[in-house]
PDB file of N, CA and C in Angstrom:
ATOM      1  N   MET A   1     103.396 126.130 121.327  1.00  0.00           N
ATOM      2  CA  MET A   1     101.981 125.854 121.451  1.00  0.00           C
ATOM      3  C   MET A   1     101.802 124.390 121.844  1.00  0.00           C
ATOM      4  N   LYS A   2     100.937 124.150 122.782  1.00  0.00           N
ATOM      5  CA  LYS A   2     100.621 122.786 123.206  1.00  0.00           C
ATOM      6  C   LYS A   2      99.744 122.124 122.155  1.00  0.00           C
ATOM      7  N   ASN A   3      99.998 120.842 121.911  1.00  0.00           N
ATOM      8  CA  ASN A   3      99.235 120.093 120.929  1.00  0.00           C
ATOM      9  C   ASN A   3      98.413 119.019 121.633  1.00  0.00           C
ATOM     10  N   ILE A   4      97.098 119.038 121.418  1.00  0.00           N
ATOM     11  CA  ILE A   4      96.180 118.161 122.129  1.00  0.00           C
ATOM     12  C   ILE A   4      95.464 117.256 121.135  1.00  0.00           C
ATOM     13  N   LEU A   5      95.400 115.974 121.468  1.00  0.00           N
ATOM     14  CA  LEU A   5      94.634 115.019 120.681  1.00  0.00           C
ATOM     15  C   LEU A   5      93.277 114.837 121.354  1.00  0.00           C
ATOM     16  N   VAL A   6      92.208 115.022 120.589  1.00  0.00           N
ATOM     17  CA  VAL A   6      90.846 114.866 121.103  1.00  0.00           C
ATOM     18  C   VAL A   6      90.235 113.625 120.456  1.00  0.00           C
ATOM     19  N   VAL A   7      89.829 112.675 121.290  1.00  0.00           N
ATOM     20  CA  VAL A   7      89.192 111.450 120.808  1.00  0.00           C
ATOM     21  C   VAL A   7      87.722 111.523 121.220  1.00  0.00           C
ATOM     22  N   GLU A   8      86.856 111.705 120.240  1.00  0.00           N
ATOM     23  CA  GLU A   8      85.427 111.898 120.539  1.00  0.00           C
ATOM     24  C   GLU A   8      84.604 111.424 119.349  1.00  0.00           C
ATOM     25  N   ASP A   9      83.635 110.552 119.596  1.00  0.00           N
ATOM     26  CA  ASP A   9      82.817 110.026 118.507  1.00  0.00           C
ATOM     27  C   ASP A   9      81.532 110.827 118.269  1.00  0.00           C
ATOM     28  N   ASN A  10      81.206 111.743 119.155  1.00  0.00           N
ATOM     29  CA  ASN A  10      80.024 112.577 118.980  1.00  0.00           C
ATOM     30  C   ASN A  10      80.447 113.882 118.290  1.00  0.00           C
ATOM     31  N   PRO A  11      79.957 114.131 117.066  1.00  0.00           N
ATOM     32  CA  PRO A  11      80.404 115.320 116.324  1.00  0.00           C
ATOM     33  C   PRO A  11      80.076 116.649 116.997  1.00  0.00           C
ATOM     34  N   VAL A  12      78.982 116.721 117.741  1.00  0.00           N
ATOM     35  CA  VAL A  12      78.607 117.961 118.419  1.00  0.00           C
ATOM     36  C   VAL A  12      79.602 118.265 119.539  1.00  0.00           C
ATOM     37  N   ILE A  13      79.925 117.245 120.334  1.00  0.00           N
ATOM     38  CA  ILE A  13      80.895 117.419 121.412  1.00  0.00           C
ATOM     39  C   ILE A  13      82.279 117.736 120.835  1.00  0.00           C
ATOM     40  N   MET A  14      82.645 117.052 119.745  1.00  0.00           N
ATOM     41  CA  MET A  14      83.944 117.295 119.106  1.00  0.00           C
ATOM     42  C   MET A  14      84.054 118.763 118.691  1.00  0.00           C
ATOM     43  N   GLU A  15      83.016 119.290 118.063  1.00  0.00           N
ATOM     44  CA  GLU A  15      83.045 120.690 117.618  1.00  0.00           C
ATOM     45  C   GLU A  15      83.134 121.641 118.801  1.00  0.00           C
ATOM     46  N   LEU A  16      82.428 121.351 119.872  1.00  0.00           N
ATOM     47  CA  LEU A  16      82.490 122.184 121.077  1.00  0.00           C
ATOM     48  C   LEU A  16      83.903 122.194 121.650  1.00  0.00           C
ATOM     49  N   VAL A  17      84.500 121.025 121.783  1.00  0.00           N
ATOM     50  CA  VAL A  17      85.861 120.937 122.339  1.00  0.00           C
ATOM     51  C   VAL A  17      86.856 121.644 121.431  1.00  0.00           C
ATOM     52  N   ARG A  18      86.736 121.441 120.132  1.00  0.00           N
ATOM     53  CA  ARG A  18      87.641 122.110 119.185  1.00  0.00           C
ATOM     54  C   ARG A  18      87.519 123.633 119.277  1.00  0.00           C
ATOM     55  N   THR A  19      86.293 124.121 119.365  1.00  0.00           N
ATOM     56  CA  THR A  19      86.066 125.559 119.469  1.00  0.00           C
ATOM     57  C   THR A  19      86.703 126.124 120.737  1.00  0.00           C
ATOM     58  N   LEU A  20      86.511 125.428 121.844  1.00  0.00           N
ATOM     59  CA  LEU A  20      87.094 125.886 123.111  1.00  0.00           C
ATOM     60  C   LEU A  20      88.624 125.860 123.066  1.00  0.00           C
ATOM     61  N   LEU A  21      89.192 124.784 122.557  1.00  0.00           N
ATOM     62  CA  LEU A  21      90.653 124.693 122.491  1.00  0.00           C
ATOM     63  C   LEU A  21      91.238 125.787 121.606  1.00  0.00           C
ATOM     64  N   THR A  22      90.596 126.029 120.488  1.00  0.00           N
ATOM     65  CA  THR A  22      91.055 127.091 119.587  1.00  0.00           C
ATOM     66  C   THR A  22      90.976 128.452 120.261  1.00  0.00           C
ATOM     67  N   SER A  23      89.886 128.706 120.974  1.00  0.00           N
ATOM     68  CA  SER A  23      89.718 130.007 121.618  1.00  0.00           C
ATOM     69  C   SER A  23      90.767 130.248 122.707  1.00  0.00           C
ATOM     70  N   PHE A  24      91.283 129.169 123.295  1.00  0.00           N
ATOM     71  CA  PHE A  24      92.331 129.297 124.308  1.00  0.00           C
ATOM     72  C   PHE A  24      93.736 129.190 123.720  1.00  0.00           C
ATOM     73  N   GLY A  25      93.833 129.053 122.393  1.00  0.00           N
ATOM     74  CA  GLY A  25      95.120 129.076 121.725  1.00  0.00           C
ATOM     75  C   GLY A  25      95.856 127.750 121.655  1.00  0.00           C
ATOM     76  N   TYR A  26      95.147 126.655 121.834  1.00  0.00           N
ATOM     77  CA  TYR A  26      95.784 125.336 121.761  1.00  0.00           C
ATOM     78  C   TYR A  26      95.668 124.758 120.364  1.00  0.00           C
ATOM     79  N   GLY A  27      96.706 124.041 119.956  1.00  0.00           N
ATOM     80  CA  GLY A  27      96.637 123.269 118.728  1.00  0.00           C
ATOM     81  C   GLY A  27      95.932 121.962 119.045  1.00  0.00           C
ATOM     82  N   HIS A  28      95.228 121.403 118.073  1.00  0.00           N
ATOM     83  CA  HIS A  28      94.501 120.174 118.348  1.00  0.00           C
ATOM     84  C   HIS A  28      94.317 119.347 117.090  1.00  0.00           C
ATOM     85  N   THR A  29      94.166 118.058 117.321  1.00  0.00           N
ATOM     86  CA  THR A  29      93.836 117.105 116.281  1.00  0.00           C
ATOM     87  C   THR A  29      92.663 116.296 116.803  1.00  0.00           C
ATOM     88  N   GLY A  30      91.686 116.029 115.967  1.00  0.00           N
ATOM     89  CA  GLY A  30      90.525 115.266 116.395  1.00  0.00           C
ATOM     90  C   GLY A  30      90.411 113.944 115.664  1.00  0.00           C
ATOM     91  N   VAL A  31      90.110 112.895 116.404  1.00  0.00           N
ATOM     92  CA  VAL A  31      89.850 111.581 115.826  1.00  0.00           C
ATOM     93  C   VAL A  31      88.588 111.007 116.459  1.00  0.00           C
ATOM     94  N   GLU A  32      87.986 110.010 115.784  1.00  0.00           N
ATOM     95  CA  GLU A  32      86.692 109.497 116.233  1.00  0.00           C
ATOM     96  C   GLU A  32      86.750 108.181 116.999  1.00  0.00           C
ATOM     97  N   ASP A  33      87.834 107.424 116.869  1.00  0.00           N
ATOM     98  CA  ASP A  33      87.846 106.123 117.545  1.00  0.00           C
ATOM     99  C   ASP A  33      89.266 105.697 117.908  1.00  0.00           C
ATOM    100  N   GLY A  34      89.346 104.576 118.606  1.00  0.00           N
ATOM    101  CA  GLY A  34      90.629 104.078 119.090  1.00  0.00           C
ATOM    102  C   GLY A  34      91.591 103.689 117.999  1.00  0.00           C
ATOM    103  N   PHE A  35      91.084 103.152 116.901  1.00  0.00           N
ATOM    104  CA  PHE A  35      91.964 102.759 115.800  1.00  0.00           C
ATOM    105  C   PHE A  35      92.654 103.974 115.181  1.00  0.00           C
ATOM    106  N   GLU A  36      91.882 105.044 114.962  1.00  0.00           N
ATOM    107  CA  GLU A  36      92.471 106.289 114.461  1.00  0.00           C
ATOM    108  C   GLU A  36      93.461 106.859 115.474  1.00  0.00           C
ATOM    109  N   THR A  37      93.123 106.757 116.753  1.00  0.00           N
ATOM    110  CA  THR A  37      93.991 107.265 117.818  1.00  0.00           C
ATOM    111  C   THR A  37      95.357 106.617 117.761  1.00  0.00           C
ATOM    112  N   LEU A  38      95.390 105.286 117.667  1.00  0.00           N
ATOM    113  CA  LEU A  38      96.660 104.573 117.614  1.00  0.00           C
ATOM    114  C   LEU A  38      97.494 104.997 116.413  1.00  0.00           C
ATOM    115  N   LYS A  39      96.851 105.164 115.266  1.00  0.00           N
ATOM    116  CA  LYS A  39      97.570 105.585 114.063  1.00  0.00           C
ATOM    117  C   LYS A  39      98.176 106.980 114.234  1.00  0.00           C
ATOM    118  N   VAL A  40      97.377 107.914 114.743  1.00  0.00           N
ATOM    119  CA  VAL A  40      97.826 109.298 114.878  1.00  0.00           C
ATOM    120  C   VAL A  40      98.919 109.423 115.949  1.00  0.00           C
ATOM    121  N   VAL A  41      98.788 108.687 117.040  1.00  0.00           N
ATOM    122  CA  VAL A  41      99.775 108.763 118.126  1.00  0.00           C
ATOM    123  C   VAL A  41     101.136 108.262 117.654  1.00  0.00           C
ATOM    124  N   LYS A  42     101.142 107.288 116.756  1.00  0.00           N
ATOM    125  CA  LYS A  42     102.404 106.775 116.227  1.00  0.00           C
ATOM    126  C   LYS A  42     103.093 107.785 115.312  1.00  0.00           C
ATOM    127  N   GLU A  43     102.297 108.689 114.708  1.00  0.00           N
ATOM    128  CA  GLU A  43     102.824 109.644 113.737  1.00  0.00           C
ATOM    129  C   GLU A  43     103.175 111.003 114.330  1.00  0.00           C
ATOM    130  N   SER A  44     102.601 111.358 115.483  1.00  0.00           N
ATOM    131  CA  SER A  44     102.782 112.693 116.048  1.00  0.00           C
ATOM    132  C   SER A  44     102.956 112.626 117.559  1.00  0.00           C
ATOM    133  N   ASP A  45     103.517 113.684 118.104  1.00  0.00           N
ATOM    134  CA  ASP A  45     103.650 113.810 119.558  1.00  0.00           C
ATOM    135  C   ASP A  45     102.569 114.752 120.072  1.00  0.00           C
ATOM    136  N   PHE A  46     101.963 114.380 121.195  1.00  0.00           N
ATOM    137  CA  PHE A  46     100.921 115.194 121.798  1.00  0.00           C
ATOM    138  C   PHE A  46     101.277 115.487 123.241  1.00  0.00           C
ATOM    139  N   ASP A  47     100.903 116.656 123.707  1.00  0.00           N
ATOM    140  CA  ASP A  47     101.116 117.049 125.095  1.00  0.00           C
ATOM    141  C   ASP A  47     100.025 116.514 125.996  1.00  0.00           C
ATOM    142  N   LEU A  48      98.840 116.268 125.400  1.00  0.00           N
ATOM    143  CA  LEU A  48      97.695 115.805 126.180  1.00  0.00           C
ATOM    144  C   LEU A  48      96.752 115.059 125.244  1.00  0.00           C
ATOM    145  N   ILE A  49      96.118 113.997 125.755  1.00  0.00           N
ATOM    146  CA  ILE A  49      95.090 113.286 124.999  1.00  0.00           C
ATOM    147  C   ILE A  49      93.806 113.336 125.822  1.00  0.00           C
ATOM    148  N   LEU A  50      92.751 113.898 125.209  1.00  0.00           N
ATOM    149  CA  LEU A  50      91.430 113.949 125.836  1.00  0.00           C
ATOM    150  C   LEU A  50      90.561 112.894 125.176  1.00  0.00           C
ATOM    151  N   LEU A  51      89.941 112.030 125.995  1.00  0.00           N
ATOM    152  CA  LEU A  51      89.058 111.033 125.416  1.00  0.00           C
ATOM    153  C   LEU A  51      87.897 110.741 126.350  1.00  0.00           C
ATOM    154  N   ASP A  52      86.823 110.276 125.746  1.00  0.00           N
ATOM    155  CA  ASP A  52      85.680 109.854 126.549  1.00  0.00           C
ATOM    156  C   ASP A  52      85.728 108.331 126.677  1.00  0.00           C
ATOM    157  N   ILE A  53      85.118 107.844 127.712  1.00  0.00           N
ATOM    158  CA  ILE A  53      85.143 106.393 127.952  1.00  0.00           C
ATOM    159  C   ILE A  53      83.719 105.868 127.911  1.00  0.00           C
TER     160      ILE A  53
END
């Protein structure tokens, strides 16, 4: 299973992305900001990182 990191500070968008990823069978982790992103990336491997700019 592919593991995707989602970086999104808007809770509505985060829930939408999580729902879609789950429905397509992807594993995912969600974080809200860059500081959390750096911490999580150091602890886990991800196949893809989705973020808004």
